[in-house]
Amino acid sequence: MWKTVLTLRWPEKLSFEAIGRNKKEAEELVAQQALTVLHDSKIISPSGKLLCELSTHRTLQSTDKLTIINDDATADASGSCIKQEEMAAIEAKFPNFKSTLLNCFMKVSNHMKNANFIARPAFKRVKNGSISDWQASYSLKWPEPKEFSGIGTNRAEAEKLAILSALHWLTENNFLHHNGYPILYSNEELSKMKSAVTSPAIVKLPPALVNELDEILNDFKKIKPLMDEDRMFFERETAAANSLISEDEKMMEEIDEERDVDESVDNIPTSSSNEYGYNKDDESSVDPITGRKVLPLSSAEIKL
């Protein structure tokens, strides 16, 4: 497989890239892409004749929406052979290559808040001698306007070559993360953004307001000792009041305990001491265990 890259420096720097089965096919395909853009922008006629002066400054009407900015009409074309190993490596790295490309540019579109950044394929039939093949093209607008094309015997084969070519270029130029996410910011840009977020905000105040704030600060410094003294006095008074309240509560608890004891003593029935019919004038004994009266021994029992 051959890859050809064509870079136009007029009317604006614009790159085209195509993949073909051989060098000639790739060069013809990339030249056709450039001529199509120039014709759609009314820069050249269908026959290839230049329709405007080199000093003309106007906006292209193509989908790339580029602007003519100089008079240097030169073109550089470079061709290189894409090895099967490189294509296989990209396909192995991104097995779902179509989803990877579409999701990548969907994220770019959401970030830019512009639906024109969404990657959409275009298909058409191309003649290669007596053979009619399919051509698939992706016109990408990030990170720079660039078109990737592929030719195959069917639409799927052509689209696959175009997608792998785009993923290969994005990977080689560090615009695509290994997980398929677009690298929207360089390390330097990320450092600047981080510094801007973490740095304190710069606030500029009018001189009159600064003087007024200085006066307020000086007044506060004067009254602060008085405020501290009042605060300490209040803390001492509060601590003393809390101490008195604690002593009163402790005294009330002791009074309540004494009252409870007196009430429990008063509630004891008077007959409880003579519960078993004990008569203090009676000389009979009482069994200390059962509490029953024990009759005194008779004279005969005493003699025994």
Protein backbone atom coordinates (compact mmCIF):
# COMPACT_ATOMS: atom_id res chain seq x y z
CA MET A 1 0.00 0.00 0.00
CA TRP A 2 1.21 3.54 -0.85
CA LYS A 3 0.35 6.72 0.98
CA THR A 4 0.72 10.13 -0.67
CA VAL A 5 0.49 13.47 1.13
CA LEU A 6 -0.10 16.68 -0.85
CA THR A 7 0.33 20.05 0.87
CA LEU A 8 -0.97 23.24 -0.78
CA ARG A 9 0.43 26.57 0.40
CA TRP A 10 -2.07 28.64 -1.57
CA PRO A 11 -4.74 29.85 -1.16
CA GLU A 12 -4.14 28.48 2.36
CA LYS A 13 -1.93 25.75 3.75
CA LEU A 14 -4.01 22.62 3.32
CA SER A 15 -3.00 18.95 3.38
CA PHE A 16 -4.52 15.98 1.57
CA GLU A 17 -3.68 12.35 2.13
CA ALA A 18 -4.64 9.26 0.18
CA ILE A 19 -3.82 5.56 0.14
CA GLY A 20 -3.63 3.45 -3.03
CA ARG A 21 -2.48 0.07 -4.10
CA ASN A 22 0.54 1.65 -5.81
CA LYS A 23 2.31 4.99 -5.93
CA LYS A 24 0.62 6.21 -9.11
CA GLU A 25 -2.85 5.42 -7.83
CA ALA A 26 -2.19 7.23 -4.54
CA GLU A 27 -0.81 10.32 -6.32
CA GLU A 28 -3.79 10.49 -8.69
CA LEU A 29 -6.20 10.17 -5.80
CA VAL A 30 -4.61 12.91 -3.70
CA ALA A 31 -4.39 15.24 -6.73
CA GLN A 32 -8.08 14.63 -7.43
CA GLN A 33 -8.93 15.65 -3.84
CA ALA A 34 -7.01 18.93 -4.17
CA LEU A 35 -8.57 19.75 -7.55
CA THR A 36 -12.05 19.07 -6.17
CA VAL A 37 -11.56 21.53 -3.31
CA LEU A 38 -10.12 24.21 -5.64
CA HIS A 39 -12.95 23.73 -8.12
CA ASP A 40 -15.66 23.82 -5.44
CA SER A 41 -14.07 27.02 -4.12
CA LYS A 42 -14.21 28.55 -7.61
CA ILE A 43 -10.44 28.95 -7.66
CA ILE A 44 -10.07 26.93 -10.87
CA SER A 45 -12.39 26.02 -13.72
CA PRO A 46 -13.38 22.42 -14.58
CA SER A 47 -10.58 22.47 -17.14
CA GLY A 48 -8.04 23.50 -14.50
CA LYS A 49 -7.73 27.17 -15.48
CA LEU A 50 -7.14 29.68 -12.67
CA LEU A 51 -10.23 31.84 -12.24
CA CYS A 52 -8.82 34.54 -9.93
CA GLU A 53 -5.75 36.72 -9.73
CA LEU A 54 -3.04 35.67 -7.32
CA SER A 55 -3.50 38.90 -5.37
CA THR A 56 -7.22 38.23 -4.78
CA HIS A 57 -8.18 37.84 -1.13
CA ARG A 58 -11.44 36.06 -0.44
CA THR A 59 -12.89 33.16 1.48
CA LEU A 60 -13.06 29.67 0.02
CA GLN A 61 -16.57 28.27 -0.36
CA SER A 62 -15.48 24.69 0.33
CA THR A 63 -16.33 22.78 3.46
CA ASP A 64 -12.91 23.69 4.84
CA LYS A 65 -13.82 27.42 5.00
CA LEU A 66 -10.24 28.59 4.62
CA THR A 67 -9.10 32.10 3.70
CA ILE A 68 -6.66 33.20 1.02
CA ILE A 69 -3.84 34.97 2.85
CA ASN A 70 -0.86 35.14 0.48
CA ASP A 71 0.15 35.02 -3.15
CA ASP A 72 2.62 32.09 -2.92
CA ALA A 73 1.17 29.40 -5.22
CA THR A 74 3.39 26.37 -4.56
CA ALA A 75 2.57 22.76 -3.82
CA ASP A 76 4.58 20.02 -2.14
CA ALA A 77 3.80 16.35 -2.62
CA SER A 78 5.46 13.50 -0.79
CA GLY A 79 4.82 9.79 -1.28
CA SER A 80 5.65 6.99 1.11
CA CYS A 81 4.85 3.35 1.29
CA ILE A 82 2.68 2.31 4.25
CA LYS A 83 3.84 -1.09 5.31
CA GLN A 84 1.37 -3.80 5.97
CA GLU A 85 2.91 -4.10 9.45
CA GLU A 86 2.02 -0.47 10.21
CA MET A 87 -1.55 -0.93 9.04
CA ALA A 88 -1.83 -4.15 11.02
CA ALA A 89 -0.38 -2.44 14.10
CA ILE A 90 -2.98 0.34 13.92
CA GLU A 91 -5.77 -2.20 13.44
CA ALA A 92 -4.47 -4.27 16.38
CA LYS A 93 -4.24 -1.15 18.55
CA PHE A 94 -7.76 -0.06 17.60
CA PRO A 95 -9.70 -3.22 16.68
CA ASN A 96 -12.93 -1.20 16.52
CA PHE A 97 -11.22 1.35 14.29
CA LYS A 98 -14.40 2.91 12.88
CA SER A 99 -15.97 3.40 16.31
CA THR A 100 -12.66 4.80 17.58
CA LEU A 101 -12.52 7.45 14.86
CA LEU A 102 -16.19 8.41 15.10
CA ASN A 103 -16.13 8.57 18.94
CA CYS A 104 -12.90 10.58 18.88
CA PHE A 105 -14.38 13.28 16.66
CA MET A 106 -17.68 13.21 18.52
CA LYS A 107 -15.70 14.20 21.62
CA VAL A 108 -13.91 16.89 19.61
CA SER A 109 -17.29 18.17 18.38
CA ASN A 110 -18.68 18.30 21.93
CA HIS A 111 -15.56 20.09 23.16
CA MET A 112 -15.67 22.64 20.34
CA LYS A 113 -19.49 22.88 20.59
CA ASN A 114 -19.59 22.58 16.81
CA ALA A 115 -21.24 19.73 14.91
CA ASN A 116 -19.03 20.38 11.87
CA PHE A 117 -16.19 18.54 13.62
CA ILE A 118 -18.07 15.22 13.49
CA ALA A 119 -16.33 12.76 11.15
CA ARG A 120 -18.55 11.69 8.26
CA PRO A 121 -17.50 9.49 5.32
CA ALA A 122 -18.15 10.22 1.66
CA PHE A 123 -18.23 7.51 -1.01
CA LYS A 124 -18.02 7.56 -4.78
CA ARG A 125 -17.10 5.33 -7.68
CA VAL A 126 -13.70 5.84 -9.37
CA LYS A 127 -12.42 4.41 -12.60
CA ASN A 128 -9.10 2.59 -12.57
CA GLY A 129 -8.69 1.68 -16.20
CA SER A 130 -11.38 -0.83 -16.97
CA ILE A 131 -11.98 -1.50 -13.29
CA SER A 132 -14.47 0.50 -11.21
CA ASP A 133 -13.50 0.79 -7.56
CA TRP A 134 -14.93 2.50 -4.49
CA GLN A 135 -13.35 5.56 -2.93
CA ALA A 136 -14.04 6.52 0.72
CA SER A 137 -12.98 9.89 2.12
CA TYR A 138 -13.00 11.48 5.56
CA SER A 139 -12.61 15.27 5.63
CA LEU A 140 -11.41 16.01 9.16
CA LYS A 141 -11.30 19.53 10.56
CA TRP A 142 -9.23 18.76 13.66
CA PRO A 143 -6.43 19.30 14.57
CA GLU A 144 -6.13 20.87 11.10
CA PRO A 145 -8.17 20.56 7.91
CA LYS A 146 -7.08 17.29 6.37
CA GLU A 147 -8.65 14.65 4.15
CA PHE A 148 -7.96 10.92 4.25
CA SER A 149 -9.04 8.63 1.43
CA GLY A 150 -8.82 5.00 0.48
CA ILE A 151 -9.69 2.96 -2.60
CA GLY A 152 -10.99 -0.59 -2.46
CA THR A 153 -13.02 -3.09 -4.38
CA ASN A 154 -15.98 -2.38 -2.10
CA ARG A 155 -17.17 0.38 0.24
CA ALA A 156 -16.07 -1.41 3.42
CA GLU A 157 -12.53 -1.98 2.18
CA ALA A 158 -12.18 1.62 0.99
CA GLU A 159 -13.55 3.03 4.25
CA LYS A 160 -11.27 0.80 6.30
CA LEU A 161 -8.17 2.11 4.47
CA ALA A 162 -9.29 5.73 4.95
CA ILE A 163 -9.98 5.23 8.66
CA LEU A 164 -6.70 3.41 9.34
CA SER A 165 -4.84 6.14 7.45
CA ALA A 166 -6.49 8.83 9.63
CA LEU A 167 -5.80 6.93 12.87
CA HIS A 168 -2.19 6.36 11.79
CA TRP A 169 -1.66 10.08 11.17
CA LEU A 170 -3.36 11.12 14.43
CA THR A 171 -1.27 8.62 16.41
CA GLU A 172 2.03 9.54 14.74
CA ASN A 173 1.44 13.24 15.44
CA ASN A 174 0.39 12.71 19.09
CA PHE A 175 -3.21 13.79 18.65
CA LEU A 176 -4.75 10.46 19.68
CA HIS A 177 -4.42 8.76 23.06
CA HIS A 178 -3.87 5.02 23.23
CA ASN A 179 -7.44 4.59 24.56
CA GLY A 180 -8.89 6.41 21.52
CA TYR A 181 -9.49 9.77 23.23
CA PRO A 182 -8.38 12.92 21.41
CA ILE A 183 -5.45 14.80 22.92
CA LEU A 184 -6.95 18.29 22.88
CA TYR A 185 -4.23 20.01 24.90
CA SER A 186 -0.46 19.68 24.95
CA ASN A 187 1.47 19.25 28.20
CA GLU A 188 2.49 22.91 28.03
CA GLU A 189 -1.11 24.05 27.62
CA LEU A 190 -2.22 21.81 30.49
CA SER A 191 0.51 23.29 32.72
CA LYS A 192 -0.66 26.81 31.88
CA MET A 193 -4.28 25.89 32.60
CA LYS A 194 -3.33 24.27 35.90
CA SER A 195 -1.27 27.30 36.87
CA ALA A 196 -4.16 29.60 36.02
CA VAL A 197 -6.55 27.55 38.16
CA THR A 198 -4.29 27.21 41.22
CA SER A 199 -2.89 30.74 41.17
CA PRO A 200 -4.68 33.31 43.33
CA ALA A 201 -6.97 35.69 41.53
CA ILE A 202 -5.57 39.12 40.79
CA VAL A 203 -7.89 41.85 42.08
CA LYS A 204 -7.38 45.53 41.28
CA LEU A 205 -9.21 48.08 43.44
CA PRO A 206 -9.60 51.81 42.89
CA PRO A 207 -7.19 53.92 45.03
CA ALA A 208 -10.10 55.60 46.86
CA LEU A 209 -11.48 52.22 47.91
CA VAL A 210 -8.04 51.07 49.05
CA ASN A 211 -7.70 54.14 51.29
CA GLU A 212 -11.16 53.54 52.75
CA LEU A 213 -10.28 49.91 53.52
CA ASP A 214 -7.05 51.05 55.21
CA GLU A 215 -9.03 53.39 57.47
CA ILE A 216 -11.44 50.60 58.40
CA LEU A 217 -8.52 48.31 59.20
CA ASN A 218 -6.87 50.92 61.41
CA ASP A 219 -10.13 51.50 63.32
CA PHE A 220 -10.51 47.80 63.85
CA LYS A 221 -6.99 47.54 65.26
CA LYS A 222 -7.88 50.23 67.80
CA ILE A 223 -11.12 48.65 69.03
CA LYS A 224 -9.89 45.06 68.96
CA PRO A 225 -8.25 45.22 72.46
CA LEU A 226 -11.54 46.54 73.90
CA MET A 227 -13.45 43.75 72.20
CA ASP A 228 -11.03 41.16 73.60
CA GLU A 229 -11.41 42.60 77.11
CA ASP A 230 -15.21 42.49 76.90
CA ARG A 231 -15.08 38.92 75.63
CA MET A 232 -12.84 37.79 78.52
CA PHE A 233 -15.10 39.53 81.07
CA PHE A 234 -18.15 37.82 79.62
CA GLU A 235 -16.41 34.43 79.75
CA ARG A 236 -15.51 34.93 83.44
CA GLU A 237 -19.05 35.97 84.33
CA THR A 238 -20.49 33.01 82.46
CA ALA A 239 -18.13 30.57 84.22
CA ALA A 240 -19.05 31.99 87.68
CA ALA A 241 -22.77 31.74 86.94
CA ASN A 242 -22.38 28.17 85.76
CA SER A 243 -20.49 27.32 88.97
CA LEU A 244 -23.31 28.70 91.17
CA ILE A 245 -25.90 26.82 89.17
CA SER A 246 -23.94 23.58 89.65
CA GLU A 247 -23.72 24.08 93.44
CA ASP A 248 -27.47 24.80 93.67
CA GLU A 249 -28.28 21.69 91.67
CA LYS A 250 -26.04 19.55 93.88
CA MET A 251 -27.71 20.94 97.04
CA MET A 252 -31.17 20.26 95.64
CA GLU A 253 -30.18 16.66 94.88
CA GLU A 254 -29.03 16.11 98.48
CA ILE A 255 -32.31 17.56 99.84
CA ASP A 256 -34.30 15.28 97.54
CA GLU A 257 -32.36 12.21 98.74
CA GLU A 258 -33.02 13.05 102.42
CA ARG A 259 -36.71 13.59 101.68
CA ASP A 260 -36.92 10.19 99.98
CA VAL A 261 -35.34 8.46 103.02
CA ASP A 262 -37.75 10.13 105.44
CA GLU A 263 -40.73 9.14 103.33
CA SER A 264 -39.61 5.50 103.15
CA VAL A 265 -39.23 5.32 106.96
CA ASP A 266 -42.67 6.84 107.54
CA ASN A 267 -44.24 4.27 105.24
CA ILE A 268 -43.08 1.26 107.35
CA PRO A 269 -46.23 -0.23 109.14
CA THR A 270 -46.12 -0.23 112.98
CA SER A 271 -47.53 -3.78 113.24
CA SER A 272 -44.61 -5.25 111.36
CA SER A 273 -42.57 -5.60 114.58
CA ASN A 274 -45.34 -7.82 116.11
CA GLU A 275 -46.22 -9.62 112.87
CA TYR A 276 -46.25 -13.01 114.55
CA GLY A 277 -48.29 -12.00 117.64
CA TYR A 278 -45.29 -11.45 119.84
CA ASN A 279 -46.16 -10.18 123.31
CA LYS A 280 -43.29 -8.60 125.15
CA ASP A 281 -44.83 -9.64 128.53
CA ASP A 282 -44.95 -13.22 127.35
CA GLU A 283 -41.96 -15.20 128.59
CA SER A 284 -42.18 -17.73 125.74
CA SER A 285 -39.34 -17.74 123.30
CA VAL A 286 -39.45 -17.14 119.54
CA ASP A 287 -37.64 -19.31 117.04
CA PRO A 288 -35.08 -17.02 115.39
CA ILE A 289 -35.41 -18.83 112.03
CA THR A 290 -39.15 -19.38 111.63
CA GLY A 291 -40.31 -16.59 113.91
CA ARG A 292 -42.78 -18.88 115.62
CA LYS A 293 -43.36 -18.96 119.35
CA VAL A 294 -41.59 -21.74 121.22
CA LEU A 295 -43.31 -22.98 124.37
CA PRO A 296 -41.20 -23.08 127.49
CA LEU A 297 -40.00 -26.45 128.68
CA SER A 298 -42.09 -28.18 131.29
CA SER A 299 -40.73 -29.28 134.65
CA ALA A 300 -40.58 -32.90 133.51
CA GLU A 301 -38.66 -31.94 130.35
CA ILE A 302 -36.25 -29.89 132.41
CA LYS A 303 -35.61 -32.84 134.72
CA LEU A 304 -34.89 -35.03 131.76
